[in-house]
N, C-alpha and C. Protein backbone atom coordinates (compact mmCIF):
# COMPACT_ATOMS: atom_id res chain seq x y z
N MET A 1 307.81 138.00 -64.10
CA MET A 1 307.59 138.71 -62.87
C MET A 1 306.17 138.44 -62.42
N SER A 2 306.00 138.27 -61.14
CA SER A 2 304.65 138.16 -60.59
C SER A 2 304.52 139.12 -59.42
N TRP A 3 303.31 139.60 -59.21
CA TRP A 3 303.02 140.50 -58.10
C TRP A 3 301.67 140.12 -57.53
N ASP A 4 301.61 139.93 -56.22
CA ASP A 4 300.38 139.59 -55.53
C ASP A 4 299.92 140.79 -54.72
N SER A 5 298.82 141.40 -55.11
CA SER A 5 298.32 142.59 -54.43
C SER A 5 298.03 142.34 -52.95
N ALA A 6 297.48 141.18 -52.63
CA ALA A 6 297.10 140.89 -51.25
C ALA A 6 298.30 140.89 -50.30
N THR A 7 299.43 140.36 -50.76
CA THR A 7 300.62 140.27 -49.91
C THR A 7 301.69 141.30 -50.26
N GLY A 8 301.63 141.84 -51.48
CA GLY A 8 302.67 142.75 -51.97
C GLY A 8 303.91 142.02 -52.45
N LEU A 9 303.87 140.70 -52.49
CA LEU A 9 305.05 139.91 -52.87
C LEU A 9 305.32 140.00 -54.36
N VAL A 10 306.56 140.35 -54.71
CA VAL A 10 307.01 140.42 -56.10
C VAL A 10 308.06 139.34 -56.31
N GLU A 11 307.89 138.59 -57.39
CA GLU A 11 308.87 137.56 -57.76
C GLU A 11 309.28 137.77 -59.21
N LEU A 12 310.56 137.71 -59.47
CA LEU A 12 311.07 137.80 -60.83
C LEU A 12 311.73 136.48 -61.16
N TRP A 13 311.35 135.92 -62.31
CA TRP A 13 311.91 134.66 -62.77
C TRP A 13 312.75 134.93 -64.00
N VAL A 14 313.97 134.41 -64.03
CA VAL A 14 314.86 134.57 -65.18
C VAL A 14 315.35 133.18 -65.60
N ASN A 15 315.12 132.85 -66.85
CA ASN A 15 315.54 131.55 -67.39
C ASN A 15 315.04 130.37 -66.54
N GLY A 16 313.81 130.49 -66.05
CA GLY A 16 313.21 129.40 -65.30
C GLY A 16 313.55 129.35 -63.83
N TYR A 17 314.30 130.33 -63.33
CA TYR A 17 314.70 130.33 -61.92
C TYR A 17 314.26 131.62 -61.23
N PRO A 18 313.75 131.52 -59.99
CA PRO A 18 313.32 132.72 -59.28
C PRO A 18 314.51 133.48 -58.68
N LEU A 19 314.42 134.80 -58.72
CA LEU A 19 315.39 135.66 -58.03
C LEU A 19 314.84 135.96 -56.64
N PRO A 20 315.62 136.58 -55.75
CA PRO A 20 315.11 136.90 -54.41
C PRO A 20 313.82 137.73 -54.49
N ARG A 21 312.89 137.44 -53.60
CA ARG A 21 311.59 138.11 -53.56
C ARG A 21 311.69 139.44 -52.82
N MET A 22 310.70 140.30 -53.07
CA MET A 22 310.62 141.56 -52.34
C MET A 22 309.16 141.96 -52.22
N GLY A 23 308.87 142.95 -51.39
CA GLY A 23 307.51 143.44 -51.22
C GLY A 23 307.32 144.76 -51.94
N LEU A 24 306.12 144.95 -52.52
CA LEU A 24 305.84 146.18 -53.26
C LEU A 24 304.33 146.40 -53.36
N LYS A 25 303.86 147.55 -52.92
CA LYS A 25 302.48 148.00 -53.12
C LYS A 25 301.42 147.02 -52.63
N LYS A 26 301.54 146.59 -51.39
CA LYS A 26 300.55 145.69 -50.81
C LYS A 26 299.18 146.38 -50.79
N GLY A 27 298.17 145.66 -51.26
CA GLY A 27 296.80 146.16 -51.23
C GLY A 27 296.40 147.05 -52.40
N TYR A 28 297.31 147.33 -53.30
CA TYR A 28 296.99 148.16 -54.47
C TYR A 28 296.29 147.30 -55.52
N SER A 29 295.64 147.97 -56.46
CA SER A 29 295.03 147.27 -57.59
C SER A 29 295.40 148.00 -58.88
N ILE A 30 295.26 147.29 -59.99
CA ILE A 30 295.56 147.86 -61.30
C ILE A 30 294.25 148.24 -61.97
N ASN A 31 294.16 149.47 -62.44
CA ASN A 31 292.98 149.96 -63.12
C ASN A 31 292.69 149.11 -64.36
N PRO A 32 291.45 148.71 -64.57
CA PRO A 32 291.12 147.91 -65.76
C PRO A 32 291.44 148.62 -67.07
N GLU A 33 291.55 149.93 -67.06
CA GLU A 33 291.86 150.69 -68.27
C GLU A 33 293.36 150.98 -68.40
N ALA A 34 294.18 150.34 -67.60
CA ALA A 34 295.62 150.59 -67.60
C ALA A 34 296.25 150.21 -68.94
N SER A 35 297.34 150.87 -69.28
CA SER A 35 298.10 150.56 -70.49
C SER A 35 299.30 149.71 -70.12
N ILE A 36 299.72 148.87 -71.04
CA ILE A 36 300.92 148.07 -70.87
C ILE A 36 301.99 148.67 -71.76
N VAL A 37 303.10 149.07 -71.17
CA VAL A 37 304.20 149.66 -71.93
C VAL A 37 305.39 148.72 -71.78
N LEU A 38 305.89 148.21 -72.89
CA LEU A 38 307.03 147.30 -72.88
C LEU A 38 308.25 147.99 -73.46
N GLY A 39 309.36 147.89 -72.76
CA GLY A 39 310.63 148.36 -73.31
C GLY A 39 310.87 149.85 -73.22
N GLN A 40 310.17 150.56 -72.35
CA GLN A 40 310.36 152.00 -72.26
C GLN A 40 310.14 152.47 -70.83
N ASP A 41 311.12 153.17 -70.28
CA ASP A 41 310.96 153.81 -68.98
C ASP A 41 309.95 154.94 -69.15
N GLN A 42 309.07 155.10 -68.20
CA GLN A 42 308.08 156.18 -68.29
C GLN A 42 308.46 157.30 -67.34
N ASN A 43 308.47 158.51 -67.86
CA ASN A 43 308.77 159.69 -67.07
C ASN A 43 307.64 160.69 -67.22
N GLN A 44 307.26 161.31 -66.12
CA GLN A 44 306.20 162.31 -66.14
C GLN A 44 306.78 163.63 -66.62
N GLY A 45 306.25 164.16 -67.69
CA GLY A 45 306.67 165.45 -68.22
C GLY A 45 305.58 166.49 -68.05
N PHE A 46 305.82 167.69 -68.53
CA PHE A 46 304.88 168.79 -68.41
C PHE A 46 303.54 168.46 -69.07
N LEU A 47 303.57 167.78 -70.20
CA LEU A 47 302.35 167.47 -70.94
C LEU A 47 301.90 166.02 -70.77
N GLY A 48 302.40 165.33 -69.78
CA GLY A 48 302.02 163.94 -69.55
C GLY A 48 303.23 163.03 -69.63
N TRP A 49 302.96 161.76 -69.95
CA TRP A 49 304.04 160.78 -70.01
C TRP A 49 304.95 161.07 -71.19
N VAL A 50 306.26 161.00 -70.95
CA VAL A 50 307.26 161.30 -71.97
C VAL A 50 308.01 160.01 -72.30
N PHE A 51 308.15 159.72 -73.57
CA PHE A 51 308.92 158.57 -74.01
C PHE A 51 310.28 159.06 -74.48
N ASP A 52 311.32 158.51 -73.90
CA ASP A 52 312.69 158.92 -74.20
C ASP A 52 313.39 157.80 -74.95
N ILE A 53 313.72 158.04 -76.21
CA ILE A 53 314.36 157.01 -77.04
C ILE A 53 315.70 156.57 -76.45
N ASN A 54 316.34 157.43 -75.67
CA ASN A 54 317.65 157.10 -75.08
C ASN A 54 317.55 156.10 -73.94
N THR A 55 316.36 155.90 -73.39
CA THR A 55 316.20 154.93 -72.30
C THR A 55 315.33 153.75 -72.72
N SER A 56 315.17 153.56 -74.01
CA SER A 56 314.32 152.48 -74.49
C SER A 56 315.09 151.16 -74.56
N PHE A 57 314.34 150.08 -74.46
CA PHE A 57 314.91 148.74 -74.53
C PHE A 57 315.46 148.48 -75.92
N GLN A 58 316.63 147.87 -75.97
CA GLN A 58 317.21 147.45 -77.24
C GLN A 58 317.52 145.97 -77.13
N GLY A 59 317.01 145.19 -78.04
CA GLY A 59 317.21 143.75 -78.01
C GLY A 59 315.97 143.04 -78.50
N GLU A 60 315.81 141.81 -78.10
CA GLU A 60 314.65 141.02 -78.50
C GLU A 60 313.84 140.64 -77.28
N MET A 61 312.54 140.63 -77.43
CA MET A 61 311.62 140.30 -76.36
C MET A 61 310.66 139.24 -76.89
N THR A 62 310.51 138.15 -76.17
CA THR A 62 309.59 137.09 -76.59
C THR A 62 308.79 136.58 -75.41
N ASP A 63 307.73 135.88 -75.72
CA ASP A 63 306.92 135.19 -74.72
C ASP A 63 306.52 136.08 -73.56
N VAL A 64 305.79 137.13 -73.85
CA VAL A 64 305.26 138.03 -72.82
C VAL A 64 303.80 137.63 -72.58
N TYR A 65 303.49 137.27 -71.36
CA TYR A 65 302.15 136.84 -70.98
C TYR A 65 301.70 137.63 -69.76
N MET A 66 300.39 137.64 -69.51
CA MET A 66 299.87 138.26 -68.29
C MET A 66 298.63 137.48 -67.85
N TRP A 67 298.58 137.16 -66.57
CA TRP A 67 297.43 136.48 -66.00
C TRP A 67 296.83 137.37 -64.92
N ASP A 68 295.59 137.08 -64.55
CA ASP A 68 294.93 137.86 -63.50
C ASP A 68 295.10 137.21 -62.13
N ARG A 69 296.11 136.38 -62.03
CA ARG A 69 296.44 135.71 -60.77
C ARG A 69 297.93 135.41 -60.76
N VAL A 70 298.45 135.09 -59.60
CA VAL A 70 299.86 134.71 -59.48
C VAL A 70 299.98 133.23 -59.84
N LEU A 71 300.91 132.92 -60.73
CA LEU A 71 301.14 131.53 -61.11
C LEU A 71 301.96 130.82 -60.04
N SER A 72 301.71 129.54 -59.89
CA SER A 72 302.53 128.73 -58.98
C SER A 72 303.90 128.50 -59.63
N ALA A 73 304.86 128.04 -58.85
CA ALA A 73 306.19 127.73 -59.39
C ALA A 73 306.09 126.66 -60.48
N ASP A 74 305.21 125.68 -60.29
CA ASP A 74 305.02 124.64 -61.31
C ASP A 74 304.49 125.24 -62.61
N GLU A 75 303.55 126.18 -62.51
CA GLU A 75 303.00 126.82 -63.71
C GLU A 75 304.05 127.68 -64.42
N VAL A 76 304.87 128.39 -63.65
CA VAL A 76 305.95 129.18 -64.25
C VAL A 76 306.88 128.26 -65.04
N ASN A 77 307.20 127.12 -64.47
CA ASN A 77 308.06 126.16 -65.17
C ASN A 77 307.40 125.58 -66.41
N LEU A 78 306.08 125.40 -66.40
CA LEU A 78 305.37 124.97 -67.60
C LEU A 78 305.53 126.00 -68.71
N VAL A 79 305.35 127.27 -68.37
CA VAL A 79 305.51 128.34 -69.36
C VAL A 79 306.94 128.35 -69.87
N TRP A 80 307.92 128.23 -68.98
CA TRP A 80 309.33 128.23 -69.37
C TRP A 80 309.64 127.09 -70.34
N ASN A 81 308.95 125.97 -70.18
CA ASN A 81 309.16 124.81 -71.04
C ASN A 81 308.18 124.77 -72.22
N ASP A 82 307.66 125.94 -72.59
CA ASP A 82 306.76 126.09 -73.75
C ASP A 82 305.50 125.24 -73.65
N GLN A 83 305.00 125.06 -72.45
CA GLN A 83 303.74 124.36 -72.27
C GLN A 83 302.69 125.39 -71.83
N ALA A 84 301.52 125.27 -72.36
CA ALA A 84 300.48 126.28 -72.15
C ALA A 84 299.99 126.30 -70.71
N VAL A 85 299.77 127.51 -70.22
CA VAL A 85 299.04 127.75 -68.98
C VAL A 85 297.87 128.62 -69.40
N SER A 86 296.67 128.13 -69.20
CA SER A 86 295.49 128.78 -69.77
C SER A 86 295.17 130.13 -69.15
N ASN A 87 294.34 130.86 -69.87
CA ASN A 87 293.76 132.13 -69.43
C ASN A 87 294.73 133.30 -69.38
N SER A 88 295.71 133.34 -70.28
CA SER A 88 296.54 134.54 -70.39
C SER A 88 295.64 135.69 -70.81
N LEU A 89 295.81 136.86 -70.19
CA LEU A 89 294.98 138.02 -70.49
C LEU A 89 295.35 138.69 -71.80
N ILE A 90 296.56 138.44 -72.29
CA ILE A 90 297.02 139.10 -73.51
C ILE A 90 296.91 138.12 -74.68
N ASN A 91 296.10 138.48 -75.66
CA ASN A 91 296.01 137.71 -76.90
C ASN A 91 296.69 138.55 -77.97
N TRP A 92 297.96 138.28 -78.25
CA TRP A 92 298.76 139.11 -79.14
C TRP A 92 298.18 139.19 -80.55
N SER A 93 297.49 138.15 -81.00
CA SER A 93 296.96 138.18 -82.37
C SER A 93 295.76 139.12 -82.52
N SER A 94 295.09 139.48 -81.42
CA SER A 94 293.95 140.38 -81.52
C SER A 94 294.16 141.69 -80.77
N LEU A 95 295.39 141.95 -80.34
CA LEU A 95 295.69 143.13 -79.54
C LEU A 95 295.81 144.38 -80.42
N ASP A 96 295.24 145.48 -79.95
CA ASP A 96 295.38 146.77 -80.62
C ASP A 96 296.58 147.46 -79.99
N TYR A 97 297.67 147.62 -80.74
CA TYR A 97 298.88 148.20 -80.18
C TYR A 97 299.46 149.25 -81.10
N GLU A 98 300.36 150.04 -80.54
CA GLU A 98 301.01 151.12 -81.27
C GLU A 98 302.51 150.88 -81.27
N ILE A 99 303.12 150.96 -82.43
CA ILE A 99 304.57 150.82 -82.55
C ILE A 99 305.17 152.22 -82.61
N THR A 100 306.14 152.48 -81.75
CA THR A 100 306.79 153.78 -81.70
C THR A 100 308.26 153.61 -82.06
N TYR A 101 308.76 154.47 -82.91
CA TYR A 101 310.14 154.46 -83.38
C TYR A 101 310.41 153.20 -84.19
N TYR A 102 311.61 152.69 -84.14
CA TYR A 102 312.02 151.57 -84.99
C TYR A 102 311.81 150.25 -84.26
N VAL A 103 310.69 149.62 -84.54
CA VAL A 103 310.34 148.34 -83.93
C VAL A 103 309.96 147.39 -85.05
N MET A 104 310.47 146.18 -84.97
CA MET A 104 310.11 145.16 -85.96
C MET A 104 309.44 144.00 -85.23
N ILE A 105 308.33 143.54 -85.76
CA ILE A 105 307.65 142.37 -85.23
C ILE A 105 307.96 141.22 -86.17
N MET A 106 308.62 140.20 -85.62
CA MET A 106 309.09 139.09 -86.45
C MET A 106 308.70 137.77 -85.81
N PRO A 107 308.64 136.70 -86.61
CA PRO A 107 308.36 135.38 -86.04
C PRO A 107 309.48 134.97 -85.07
N SER A 108 309.13 134.16 -84.10
CA SER A 108 310.11 133.69 -83.13
C SER A 108 311.17 132.82 -83.80
N LEU A 109 312.39 132.93 -83.32
CA LEU A 109 313.48 132.08 -83.80
C LEU A 109 313.50 130.73 -83.08
N ILE A 110 312.72 130.65 -82.01
CA ILE A 110 312.67 129.44 -81.20
C ILE A 110 311.46 128.63 -81.62
N SER A 111 311.68 127.41 -82.05
CA SER A 111 310.54 126.58 -82.46
C SER A 111 309.90 125.96 -81.23
N GLY A 112 308.60 125.87 -81.26
CA GLY A 112 307.89 125.36 -80.11
C GLY A 112 307.17 124.16 -80.36
């Protein structure tokens, strides 16, 4: 998925192909202290954000990257074909993260 704050354009890519585009939150910015939550719908509760195990992602997730810019279609295809696109903001080997409930971190089954 990509999102361009200047235009509000959102693009979702699945298996190397783009889905129809849409507009969302033109002109907004992401706080530098923002958290990244993968695999869980966030709901506002009385005491803050509530994590509901019944709405959590079940399955496998691989190759999650984040850049501080929108990638071109050619760059998205490079990533899809396991070729590096520099300056990903997420370095998984040095990331401080929290595992909630039953989560297993395992080596990829796909050789690169």
